[in-house]
C-alpha cells in the first residue's frame, strides 16, 4: 500500500470517530454545536491525530486504544485555530479556504466554540481512560496533552507570539515561540503513540525528538509559504507575517537559510526514524510531505 493510501485510511478513521463523538443532541445550545462542527470539519490535514496513530503503530496494532486521544488532539488544535483567527489575535478572515468561525457565527460564539472543543476533548479522553483496567498510560497521555496545550506549551507560545508583534526578538525567543506554539502538540502526538503503545523510555524520547524537529520544520515551512506560497492553494491570506511585522525564520535569517534549515531538520528526523526500520516508512514519507508541502 502506498503511503498516501495509508494516510487516506488514517484520515477516514479519524473523521469517522470525530463524527461519532460530535453526534450529540442539539438543545438550546444548537448554535454552539454547529459552530464547533463548522471548524472541526472544515477540511484540516488531521496532522496531529495521524501522527499519533502512526507513532502508535510502531509499537502496537489496536488503533481503538489511541483513537480517542488522537481525536482529542484534533479538537484541541481546532479550538486553538478558532481563537487564533479572532480579531483580538491574528484577525484572519479565511481558514482552509472558508470564512473563519467568527465571520460566520460572531466573535462570542466563536470563543465559546473553541472553549467547547477544548472541554469536550478532555471529556472524550477521560471517558475512555476510566474504562481501562490499566489506566496509567492513558492518564499519562492525557497529562502530556494537557501540558502541551497549556501555559508551558501552546498557550505560552501564543502569548509570547502576541507580545512579539512589531518587536525585534532574539533567536532564543523565536525558537521558544515555535517550539511551544507549534511543536508542543506535535511532540505530544508522537509521544502518546509510544506511551499508549507501551514503548520503552528510549522510544518515548525518540518520538519527542522527532516531534521537536518536525514541529520546528513545519513552522519554518509555514513561514516560507507565507512569503512564496500560492494563496489559492493555502486557503488563507499570504503576506500576513510581514504585514504584522512578525519575527520569523525567513525575516531573521533569510529565505535560503530557512529552506536549508528545513532540509537539515528533515534529515535529523530520518536519522531517528531509521531505528525503526520498515515500520517507519509511512512516518518518513509523511514527514517529508509535511515539510516539503506547498500548502
C-alpha atoms as a PDB file:
ATOM      1  CA  UNK A   1       0.000   0.000   0.000  1.00  0.00           C
ATOM      2  CA  UNK A   2       1.305   3.473  -0.859  1.00  0.00           C
ATOM      3  CA  UNK A   3       1.828   5.917   1.987  1.00  0.00           C
ATOM      4  CA  UNK A   4      -0.859   8.217   0.516  1.00  0.00           C
ATOM      5  CA  UNK A   5      -3.422   5.421   0.624  1.00  0.00           C
ATOM      6  CA  UNK A   6      -2.393   4.715   4.204  1.00  0.00           C
ATOM      7  CA  UNK A   7      -2.791   8.415   5.006  1.00  0.00           C
ATOM      8  CA  UNK A   8      -6.283   8.364   3.498  1.00  0.00           C
ATOM      9  CA  UNK A   9      -7.211   5.363   5.647  1.00  0.00           C
ATOM     10  CA  UNK A  10      -5.955   7.087   8.800  1.00  0.00           C
ATOM     11  CA  UNK A  11      -7.880  10.265   7.955  1.00  0.00           C
ATOM     12  CA  UNK A  12     -11.079   8.348   7.221  1.00  0.00           C
ATOM     13  CA  UNK A  13     -10.799   6.555  10.560  1.00  0.00           C
ATOM     14  CA  UNK A  14     -10.220   9.832  12.406  1.00  0.00           C
ATOM     15  CA  UNK A  15     -13.077  11.625  10.627  1.00  0.00           C
ATOM     16  CA  UNK A  16     -15.451   8.745  11.336  1.00  0.00           C
ATOM     17  CA  UNK A  17     -14.590   8.810  15.042  1.00  0.00           C
ATOM     18  CA  UNK A  18     -14.857  12.612  15.210  1.00  0.00           C
ATOM     19  CA  UNK A  19     -18.259  12.399  13.548  1.00  0.00           C
ATOM     20  CA  UNK A  20     -19.374   9.893  16.182  1.00  0.00           C
ATOM     21  CA  UNK A  21     -18.184  11.928  19.167  1.00  0.00           C
ATOM     22  CA  UNK A  22     -19.713  15.122  17.755  1.00  0.00           C
ATOM     23  CA  UNK A  23     -23.052  13.426  17.054  1.00  0.00           C
ATOM     24  CA  UNK A  24     -24.709  14.969  20.087  1.00  0.00           C
ATOM     25  CA  UNK A  25     -28.240  16.172  20.603  1.00  0.00           C
ATOM     26  CA  UNK A  26     -28.767  19.849  19.959  1.00  0.00           C
ATOM     27  CA  UNK A  27     -30.708  21.559  22.689  1.00  0.00           C
ATOM     28  CA  UNK A  28     -30.968  25.285  23.261  1.00  0.00           C
ATOM     29  CA  UNK A  29     -27.225  25.414  22.554  1.00  0.00           C
ATOM     30  CA  UNK A  30     -27.593  24.216  18.934  1.00  0.00           C
ATOM     31  CA  UNK A  31     -25.644  27.171  17.540  1.00  0.00           C
ATOM     32  CA  UNK A  32     -22.659  26.191  19.705  1.00  0.00           C
ATOM     33  CA  UNK A  33     -22.644  22.639  18.309  1.00  0.00           C
ATOM     34  CA  UNK A  34     -22.971  23.977  14.746  1.00  0.00           C
ATOM     35  CA  UNK A  35     -20.061  26.350  15.324  1.00  0.00           C
ATOM     36  CA  UNK A  36     -17.854  23.595  16.785  1.00  0.00           C
ATOM     37  CA  UNK A  37     -18.611  21.297  13.841  1.00  0.00           C
ATOM     38  CA  UNK A  38     -18.079  24.089  11.304  1.00  0.00           C
ATOM     39  CA  UNK A  39     -14.408  24.397  12.191  1.00  0.00           C
ATOM     40  CA  UNK A  40     -13.758  20.772  13.143  1.00  0.00           C
ATOM     41  CA  UNK A  41     -14.945  19.535   9.737  1.00  0.00           C
ATOM     42  CA  UNK A  42     -13.550  22.395   7.646  1.00  0.00           C
ATOM     43  CA  UNK A  43     -11.011  20.170   5.880  1.00  0.00           C
ATOM     44  CA  UNK A  44      -7.895  20.102   8.052  1.00  0.00           C
ATOM     45  CA  UNK A  45      -4.875  17.873   7.395  1.00  0.00           C
ATOM     46  CA  UNK A  46      -5.524  15.878  10.618  1.00  0.00           C
ATOM     47  CA  UNK A  47      -1.751  16.037  11.120  1.00  0.00           C
ATOM     48  CA  UNK A  48      -1.677  15.568  14.877  1.00  0.00           C
ATOM     49  CA  UNK A  49      -4.069  12.611  15.111  1.00  0.00           C
ATOM     50  CA  UNK A  50      -2.402  10.932  12.122  1.00  0.00           C
ATOM     51  CA  UNK A  51       0.984  11.298  13.810  1.00  0.00           C
ATOM     52  CA  UNK A  52      -0.447   9.762  16.976  1.00  0.00           C
ATOM     53  CA  UNK A  53      -1.847   6.756  15.088  1.00  0.00           C
ATOM     54  CA  UNK A  54       1.322   6.260  13.046  1.00  0.00           C
ATOM     55  CA  UNK A  55       3.558   6.510  16.113  1.00  0.00           C
ATOM     56  CA  UNK A  56       1.342   4.036  17.980  1.00  0.00           C
ATOM     57  CA  UNK A  57       1.629   1.517  15.154  1.00  0.00           C
ATOM     58  CA  UNK A  58       5.387   1.419  15.570  1.00  0.00           C
ATOM     59  CA  UNK A  59       4.677  -0.351  18.865  1.00  0.00           C
ATOM     60  CA  UNK A  60       1.147  -1.845  18.793  1.00  0.00           C
ATOM     61  CA  UNK A  61      -1.767  -2.531  16.455  1.00  0.00           C
ATOM     62  CA  UNK A  62      -5.222  -1.968  18.010  1.00  0.00           C
ATOM     63  CA  UNK A  63      -5.982   1.623  16.980  1.00  0.00           C
ATOM     64  CA  UNK A  64      -9.113   1.708  19.146  1.00  0.00           C
ATOM     65  CA  UNK A  65      -6.770   2.215  22.124  1.00  0.00           C
ATOM     66  CA  UNK A  66      -5.498   5.544  20.817  1.00  0.00           C
ATOM     67  CA  UNK A  67      -8.332   6.934  18.676  1.00  0.00           C
ATOM     68  CA  UNK A  68      -9.995   8.936  21.494  1.00  0.00           C
ATOM     69  CA  UNK A  69      -6.667  10.648  22.263  1.00  0.00           C
ATOM     70  CA  UNK A  70      -5.866  11.277  18.596  1.00  0.00           C
ATOM     71  CA  UNK A  71      -9.281  12.885  18.148  1.00  0.00           C
ATOM     72  CA  UNK A  72      -8.863  14.834  21.379  1.00  0.00           C
ATOM     73  CA  UNK A  73      -5.679  16.328  19.933  1.00  0.00           C
ATOM     74  CA  UNK A  74      -7.526  17.422  16.790  1.00  0.00           C
ATOM     75  CA  UNK A  75     -10.263  19.078  18.826  1.00  0.00           C
ATOM     76  CA  UNK A  76      -7.676  20.982  20.868  1.00  0.00           C
ATOM     77  CA  UNK A  77      -5.839  22.036  17.716  1.00  0.00           C
ATOM     78  CA  UNK A  78      -9.095  23.234  16.129  1.00  0.00           C
ATOM     79  CA  UNK A  79     -10.054  25.255  19.204  1.00  0.00           C
ATOM     80  CA  UNK A  80      -6.671  26.998  19.035  1.00  0.00           C
ATOM     81  CA  UNK A  81      -7.254  27.913  15.379  1.00  0.00           C
ATOM     82  CA  UNK A  82     -10.690  29.384  16.117  1.00  0.00           C
ATOM     83  CA  UNK A  83      -9.185  31.569  18.833  1.00  0.00           C
ATOM     84  CA  UNK A  84      -6.093  32.407  16.738  1.00  0.00           C
ATOM     85  CA  UNK A  85      -8.287  33.802  13.959  1.00  0.00           C
ATOM     86  CA  UNK A  86     -10.190  36.183  16.247  1.00  0.00           C
ATOM     87  CA  UNK A  87      -9.753  39.962  15.792  1.00  0.00           C
ATOM     88  CA  UNK A  88      -8.070  40.156  19.209  1.00  0.00           C
ATOM     89  CA  UNK A  89      -5.357  37.796  17.986  1.00  0.00           C
ATOM     90  CA  UNK A  90      -4.465  37.260  14.296  1.00  0.00           C
ATOM     91  CA  UNK A  91      -7.665  38.805  12.872  1.00  0.00           C
ATOM     92  CA  UNK A  92      -7.926  36.436   9.895  1.00  0.00           C
ATOM     93  CA  UNK A  93     -10.908  36.237   7.546  1.00  0.00           C
ATOM     94  CA  UNK A  94     -10.194  32.840   5.986  1.00  0.00           C
ATOM     95  CA  UNK A  95      -9.049  29.453   7.233  1.00  0.00           C
ATOM     96  CA  UNK A  96      -8.690  26.408   4.947  1.00  0.00           C
ATOM     97  CA  UNK A  97     -10.394  28.323   2.147  1.00  0.00           C
ATOM     98  CA  UNK A  98     -13.507  29.072   4.216  1.00  0.00           C
ATOM     99  CA  UNK A  99     -14.609  32.056   6.258  1.00  0.00           C
ATOM    100  CA  UNK A 100     -13.205  31.877   9.775  1.00  0.00           C
ATOM    101  CA  UNK A 101     -15.552  30.851  12.565  1.00  0.00           C
ATOM    102  CA  UNK A 102     -16.161  34.335  13.947  1.00  0.00           C
ATOM    103  CA  UNK A 103     -17.019  35.626  10.476  1.00  0.00           C
ATOM    104  CA  UNK A 104     -19.865  33.094  10.293  1.00  0.00           C
ATOM    105  CA  UNK A 105     -21.069  32.815  13.898  1.00  0.00           C
ATOM    106  CA  UNK A 106     -19.832  36.033  15.510  1.00  0.00           C
ATOM    107  CA  UNK A 107     -16.985  36.564  17.955  1.00  0.00           C
ATOM    108  CA  UNK A 108     -18.829  35.490  21.102  1.00  0.00           C
ATOM    109  CA  UNK A 109     -19.985  32.141  19.719  1.00  0.00           C
ATOM    110  CA  UNK A 110     -16.525  31.541  18.189  1.00  0.00           C
ATOM    111  CA  UNK A 111     -14.901  31.978  21.598  1.00  0.00           C
ATOM    112  CA  UNK A 112     -17.405  29.553  23.127  1.00  0.00           C
ATOM    113  CA  UNK A 113     -16.967  27.047  20.273  1.00  0.00           C
ATOM    114  CA  UNK A 114     -13.233  26.992  20.987  1.00  0.00           C
ATOM    115  CA  UNK A 115     -13.921  26.542  24.698  1.00  0.00           C
ATOM    116  CA  UNK A 116     -16.415  23.789  23.881  1.00  0.00           C
ATOM    117  CA  UNK A 117     -13.937  21.840  21.745  1.00  0.00           C
ATOM    118  CA  UNK A 118     -11.235  22.100  24.409  1.00  0.00           C
ATOM    119  CA  UNK A 119     -13.520  20.826  27.168  1.00  0.00           C
ATOM    120  CA  UNK A 120     -15.128  18.134  25.022  1.00  0.00           C
ATOM    121  CA  UNK A 121     -11.691  16.774  24.106  1.00  0.00           C
ATOM    122  CA  UNK A 122     -10.954  16.045  27.767  1.00  0.00           C
ATOM    123  CA  UNK A 123     -14.402  14.532  28.297  1.00  0.00           C
ATOM    124  CA  UNK A 124     -13.650  12.180  25.398  1.00  0.00           C
ATOM    125  CA  UNK A 125     -10.171  11.172  26.580  1.00  0.00           C
ATOM    126  CA  UNK A 126     -11.006  10.810  30.265  1.00  0.00           C
ATOM    127  CA  UNK A 127     -14.188   8.918  29.439  1.00  0.00           C
ATOM    128  CA  UNK A 128     -12.087   6.310  27.642  1.00  0.00           C
ATOM    129  CA  UNK A 129      -9.296   6.209  30.245  1.00  0.00           C
ATOM    130  CA  UNK A 130     -11.759   5.496  33.053  1.00  0.00           C
ATOM    131  CA  UNK A 131     -12.897   2.304  31.295  1.00  0.00           C
ATOM    132  CA  UNK A 132      -9.393   0.828  31.087  1.00  0.00           C
ATOM    133  CA  UNK A 133      -8.162  -1.767  33.618  1.00  0.00           C
ATOM    134  CA  UNK A 134      -4.612  -0.390  33.256  1.00  0.00           C
ATOM    135  CA  UNK A 135      -5.244   3.359  33.352  1.00  0.00           C
ATOM    136  CA  UNK A 136      -1.672   4.628  33.840  1.00  0.00           C
ATOM    137  CA  UNK A 137      -0.557   5.015  30.183  1.00  0.00           C
ATOM    138  CA  UNK A 138      -3.860   6.665  29.254  1.00  0.00           C
ATOM    139  CA  UNK A 139      -3.823   9.124  32.150  1.00  0.00           C
ATOM    140  CA  UNK A 140      -0.145   9.841  31.463  1.00  0.00           C
ATOM    141  CA  UNK A 141      -1.030  10.593  27.837  1.00  0.00           C
ATOM    142  CA  UNK A 142      -3.785  12.979  28.888  1.00  0.00           C
ATOM    143  CA  UNK A 143      -1.257  14.723  31.126  1.00  0.00           C
ATOM    144  CA  UNK A 144       1.181  15.045  28.198  1.00  0.00           C
ATOM    145  CA  UNK A 145      -1.557  16.525  26.018  1.00  0.00           C
ATOM    146  CA  UNK A 146      -2.733  18.941  28.726  1.00  0.00           C
ATOM    147  CA  UNK A 147       0.832  20.108  29.351  1.00  0.00           C
ATOM    148  CA  UNK A 148       1.495  20.560  25.623  1.00  0.00           C
ATOM    149  CA  UNK A 149      -1.691  22.604  25.190  1.00  0.00           C
ATOM    150  CA  UNK A 150      -1.228  24.689  28.333  1.00  0.00           C
ATOM    151  CA  UNK A 151       0.705  27.602  29.757  1.00  0.00           C
ATOM    152  CA  UNK A 152       4.086  25.874  29.358  1.00  0.00           C
ATOM    153  CA  UNK A 153       3.142  24.731  25.847  1.00  0.00           C
ATOM    154  CA  UNK A 154       0.887  26.069  23.112  1.00  0.00           C
ATOM    155  CA  UNK A 155      -0.803  28.833  25.117  1.00  0.00           C
ATOM    156  CA  UNK A 156       2.567  30.004  26.450  1.00  0.00           C
ATOM    157  CA  UNK A 157       3.933  30.130  22.906  1.00  0.00           C
ATOM    158  CA  UNK A 158       0.877  32.021  21.658  1.00  0.00           C
ATOM    159  CA  UNK A 159       1.304  34.555  24.443  1.00  0.00           C
ATOM    160  CA  UNK A 160       4.926  35.298  23.561  1.00  0.00           C
ATOM    161  CA  UNK A 161       3.971  35.360  19.860  1.00  0.00           C
ATOM    162  CA  UNK A 162       1.353  38.038  20.528  1.00  0.00           C
ATOM    163  CA  UNK A 163       3.807  40.075  22.590  1.00  0.00           C
ATOM    164  CA  UNK A 164       6.388  39.829  19.815  1.00  0.00           C
ATOM    165  CA  UNK A 165       4.400  41.586  17.086  1.00  0.00           C
ATOM    166  CA  UNK A 166       6.200  44.720  15.902  1.00  0.00           C
ATOM    167  CA  UNK A 167       9.129  43.775  18.149  1.00  0.00           C
ATOM    168  CA  UNK A 168      12.545  42.501  17.048  1.00  0.00           C
ATOM    169  CA  UNK A 169      13.001  39.321  19.071  1.00  0.00           C
ATOM    170  CA  UNK A 170      16.076  37.218  19.769  1.00  0.00           C
ATOM    171  CA  UNK A 171      16.731  33.860  18.145  1.00  0.00           C
ATOM    172  CA  UNK A 172      16.029  32.232  21.523  1.00  0.00           C
ATOM    173  CA  UNK A 173      12.602  33.873  21.751  1.00  0.00           C
ATOM    174  CA  UNK A 174      11.745  32.900  18.185  1.00  0.00           C
ATOM    175  CA  UNK A 175      12.633  29.263  18.892  1.00  0.00           C
ATOM    176  CA  UNK A 176      10.596  29.389  22.106  1.00  0.00           C
ATOM    177  CA  UNK A 177       7.541  30.553  20.145  1.00  0.00           C
ATOM    178  CA  UNK A 178       7.923  27.850  17.501  1.00  0.00           C
ATOM    179  CA  UNK A 179       8.644  25.028  19.944  1.00  0.00           C
ATOM    180  CA  UNK A 180       5.750  25.948  22.219  1.00  0.00           C
ATOM    181  CA  UNK A 181       3.077  27.314  19.889  1.00  0.00           C
ATOM    182  CA  UNK A 182       3.528  24.804  17.054  1.00  0.00           C
ATOM    183  CA  UNK A 183       5.776  21.928  18.100  1.00  0.00           C
ATOM    184  CA  UNK A 184       4.323  21.173  21.555  1.00  0.00           C
ATOM    185  CA  UNK A 185       1.152  19.436  20.298  1.00  0.00           C
ATOM    186  CA  UNK A 186       3.121  17.663  17.544  1.00  0.00           C
ATOM    187  CA  UNK A 187       5.549  16.341  20.180  1.00  0.00           C
ATOM    188  CA  UNK A 188       2.623  15.202  22.338  1.00  0.00           C
ATOM    189  CA  UNK A 189       1.013  13.451  19.358  1.00  0.00           C
ATOM    190  CA  UNK A 190       4.089  11.325  18.739  1.00  0.00           C
ATOM    191  CA  UNK A 191       4.835  10.718  22.423  1.00  0.00           C
ATOM    192  CA  UNK A 192       1.385   9.394  23.283  1.00  0.00           C
ATOM    193  CA  UNK A 193       1.706   6.877  20.446  1.00  0.00           C
ATOM    194  CA  UNK A 194       4.734   5.407  22.217  1.00  0.00           C
ATOM    195  CA  UNK A 195       3.177   5.710  25.694  1.00  0.00           C
ATOM    196  CA  UNK A 196      -0.142   4.025  24.851  1.00  0.00           C
ATOM    197  CA  UNK A 197       1.668   1.557  22.580  1.00  0.00           C
ATOM    198  CA  UNK A 198       3.884   0.538  25.552  1.00  0.00           C
ATOM    199  CA  UNK A 199       7.125   1.738  24.023  1.00  0.00           C
ATOM    200  CA  UNK A 200      10.129   1.990  26.334  1.00  0.00           C
ATOM    201  CA  UNK A 201      11.778   5.160  27.662  1.00  0.00           C
ATOM    202  CA  UNK A 202      14.120   5.376  24.662  1.00  0.00           C
ATOM    203  CA  UNK A 203      11.166   5.087  22.282  1.00  0.00           C
ATOM    204  CA  UNK A 204       9.319   7.900  24.046  1.00  0.00           C
ATOM    205  CA  UNK A 205      12.458  10.077  23.913  1.00  0.00           C
ATOM    206  CA  UNK A 206      12.873   9.304  20.209  1.00  0.00           C
ATOM    207  CA  UNK A 207       9.296  10.352  19.487  1.00  0.00           C
ATOM    208  CA  UNK A 208       9.865  13.566  21.442  1.00  0.00           C
ATOM    209  CA  UNK A 209      12.976  14.349  19.376  1.00  0.00           C
ATOM    210  CA  UNK A 210      11.166  13.680  16.113  1.00  0.00           C
ATOM    211  CA  UNK A 211       8.313  15.905  17.290  1.00  0.00           C
ATOM    212  CA  UNK A 212      10.647  18.802  18.102  1.00  0.00           C
ATOM    213  CA  UNK A 213      12.383  18.626  14.727  1.00  0.00           C
ATOM    214  CA  UNK A 214       9.139  18.146  12.822  1.00  0.00           C
ATOM    215  CA  UNK A 215       7.338  20.935  14.687  1.00  0.00           C
ATOM    216  CA  UNK A 216      10.141  23.403  14.005  1.00  0.00           C
ATOM    217  CA  UNK A 217      10.456  22.355  10.352  1.00  0.00           C
ATOM    218  CA  UNK A 218       6.677  22.546   9.881  1.00  0.00           C
ATOM    219  CA  UNK A 219       6.536  26.092  11.280  1.00  0.00           C
ATOM    220  CA  UNK A 220       9.508  27.316   9.256  1.00  0.00           C
ATOM    221  CA  UNK A 221       7.893  25.886   6.114  1.00  0.00           C
ATOM    222  CA  UNK A 222       4.670  27.675   7.073  1.00  0.00           C
ATOM    223  CA  UNK A 223       6.609  30.946   7.314  1.00  0.00           C
ATOM    224  CA  UNK A 224       8.281  30.280   3.963  1.00  0.00           C
ATOM    225  CA  UNK A 225       4.883  29.686   2.346  1.00  0.00           C
ATOM    226  CA  UNK A 226       3.601  32.951   3.815  1.00  0.00           C
ATOM    227  CA  UNK A 227       6.160  34.619   1.531  1.00  0.00           C
ATOM    228  CA  UNK A 228       6.215  32.456  -1.594  1.00  0.00           C
ATOM    229  CA  UNK A 229       3.042  30.371  -1.253  1.00  0.00           C
ATOM    230  CA  UNK A 230       0.017  30.349  -3.541  1.00  0.00           C
ATOM    231  CA  UNK A 231      -2.974  31.799  -1.667  1.00  0.00           C
ATOM    232  CA  UNK A 232      -5.433  29.699  -3.713  1.00  0.00           C
ATOM    233  CA  UNK A 233      -3.650  26.521  -2.570  1.00  0.00           C
ATOM    234  CA  UNK A 234      -3.073  27.634   1.015  1.00  0.00           C
ATOM    235  CA  UNK A 235      -6.700  28.614   1.571  1.00  0.00           C
ATOM    236  CA  UNK A 236      -5.636  31.610   3.694  1.00  0.00           C
ATOM    237  CA  UNK A 237      -4.084  35.027   3.242  1.00  0.00           C
ATOM    238  CA  UNK A 238      -0.384  35.226   2.408  1.00  0.00           C
ATOM    239  CA  UNK A 239       1.961  38.012   3.450  1.00  0.00           C
ATOM    240  CA  UNK A 240       0.274  38.362   6.844  1.00  0.00           C
ATOM    241  CA  UNK A 241       3.532  37.837   8.783  1.00  0.00           C
ATOM    242  CA  UNK A 242       5.214  40.747   7.025  1.00  0.00           C
ATOM    243  CA  UNK A 243       2.095  42.885   7.328  1.00  0.00           C
ATOM    244  CA  UNK A 244       2.033  42.315  11.085  1.00  0.00           C
ATOM    245  CA  UNK A 245       5.815  42.690  11.327  1.00  0.00           C
ATOM    246  CA  UNK A 246       6.142  39.265  12.958  1.00  0.00           C
ATOM    247  CA  UNK A 247       9.537  37.719  13.560  1.00  0.00           C
ATOM    248  CA  UNK A 248      10.010  34.511  11.568  1.00  0.00           C
ATOM    249  CA  UNK A 249      12.938  32.399  10.389  1.00  0.00           C
ATOM    250  CA  UNK A 250      12.819  33.993   6.899  1.00  0.00           C
ATOM    251  CA  UNK A 251      12.707  37.525   8.330  1.00  0.00           C
ATOM    252  CA  UNK A 252      15.544  36.795  10.762  1.00  0.00           C
ATOM    253  CA  UNK A 253      17.802  34.552   8.670  1.00  0.00           C
ATOM    254  CA  UNK A 254      16.612  34.915   5.072  1.00  0.00           C
ATOM    255  CA  UNK A 255      14.734  32.593   2.720  1.00  0.00           C
ATOM    256  CA  UNK A 256      17.678  30.426   1.596  1.00  0.00           C
ATOM    257  CA  UNK A 257      18.847  29.753   5.159  1.00  0.00           C
ATOM    258  CA  UNK A 258      15.279  28.853   6.160  1.00  0.00           C
ATOM    259  CA  UNK A 259      14.863  26.418   3.265  1.00  0.00           C
ATOM    260  CA  UNK A 260      18.161  24.728   4.180  1.00  0.00           C
ATOM    261  CA  UNK A 261      17.153  24.600   7.860  1.00  0.00           C
ATOM    262  CA  UNK A 262      14.015  22.670   6.906  1.00  0.00           C
ATOM    263  CA  UNK A 263      16.181  20.177   4.984  1.00  0.00           C
ATOM    264  CA  UNK A 264      18.568  19.807   7.934  1.00  0.00           C
ATOM    265  CA  UNK A 265      15.715  19.139  10.362  1.00  0.00           C
ATOM    266  CA  UNK A 266      14.176  16.627   7.955  1.00  0.00           C
ATOM    267  CA  UNK A 267      17.450  14.682   7.780  1.00  0.00           C
ATOM    268  CA  UNK A 268      17.538  14.560  11.587  1.00  0.00           C
ATOM    269  CA  UNK A 269      14.009  13.130  11.599  1.00  0.00           C
ATOM    270  CA  UNK A 270      15.080  10.426   9.135  1.00  0.00           C
ATOM    271  CA  UNK A 271      18.103   9.522  11.292  1.00  0.00           C
ATOM    272  CA  UNK A 272      15.844   8.837  14.280  1.00  0.00           C
ATOM    273  CA  UNK A 273      13.140   7.009  12.315  1.00  0.00           C
ATOM    274  CA  UNK A 274      15.721   4.735  10.683  1.00  0.00           C
ATOM    275  CA  UNK A 275      15.991   2.943  14.044  1.00  0.00           C
ATOM    276  CA  UNK A 276      12.502   1.525  13.441  1.00  0.00           C
ATOM    277  CA  UNK A 277      13.207   0.038  10.014  1.00  0.00           C
ATOM    278  CA  UNK A 278      10.338  -0.687   7.622  1.00  0.00           C
ATOM    279  CA  UNK A 279       7.717   0.080  10.258  1.00  0.00           C
ATOM    280  CA  UNK A 280       8.664   3.761   9.974  1.00  0.00           C
ATOM    281  CA  UNK A 281       8.293   4.095   6.196  1.00  0.00           C
ATOM    282  CA  UNK A 282       4.903   5.795   6.456  1.00  0.00           C
ATOM    283  CA  UNK A 283       6.114   8.285   9.076  1.00  0.00           C
ATOM    284  CA  UNK A 284       9.163   9.136   6.962  1.00  0.00           C
ATOM    285  CA  UNK A 285       7.021   9.762   3.889  1.00  0.00           C
ATOM    286  CA  UNK A 286       4.536  11.808   5.902  1.00  0.00           C
ATOM    287  CA  UNK A 287       7.255  13.969   7.468  1.00  0.00           C
ATOM    288  CA  UNK A 288       8.793  14.557   4.056  1.00  0.00           C
ATOM    289  CA  UNK A 289       5.406  15.622   2.677  1.00  0.00           C
ATOM    290  CA  UNK A 290       4.728  17.973   5.598  1.00  0.00           C
ATOM    291  CA  UNK A 291       7.998  19.832   5.369  1.00  0.00           C
ATOM    292  CA  UNK A 292       8.058  19.937   1.562  1.00  0.00           C
ATOM    293  CA  UNK A 293       4.432  20.949   1.093  1.00  0.00           C
ATOM    294  CA  UNK A 294       3.089  23.814  -0.999  1.00  0.00           C
ATOM    295  CA  UNK A 295       0.025  24.402   1.192  1.00  0.00           C
END
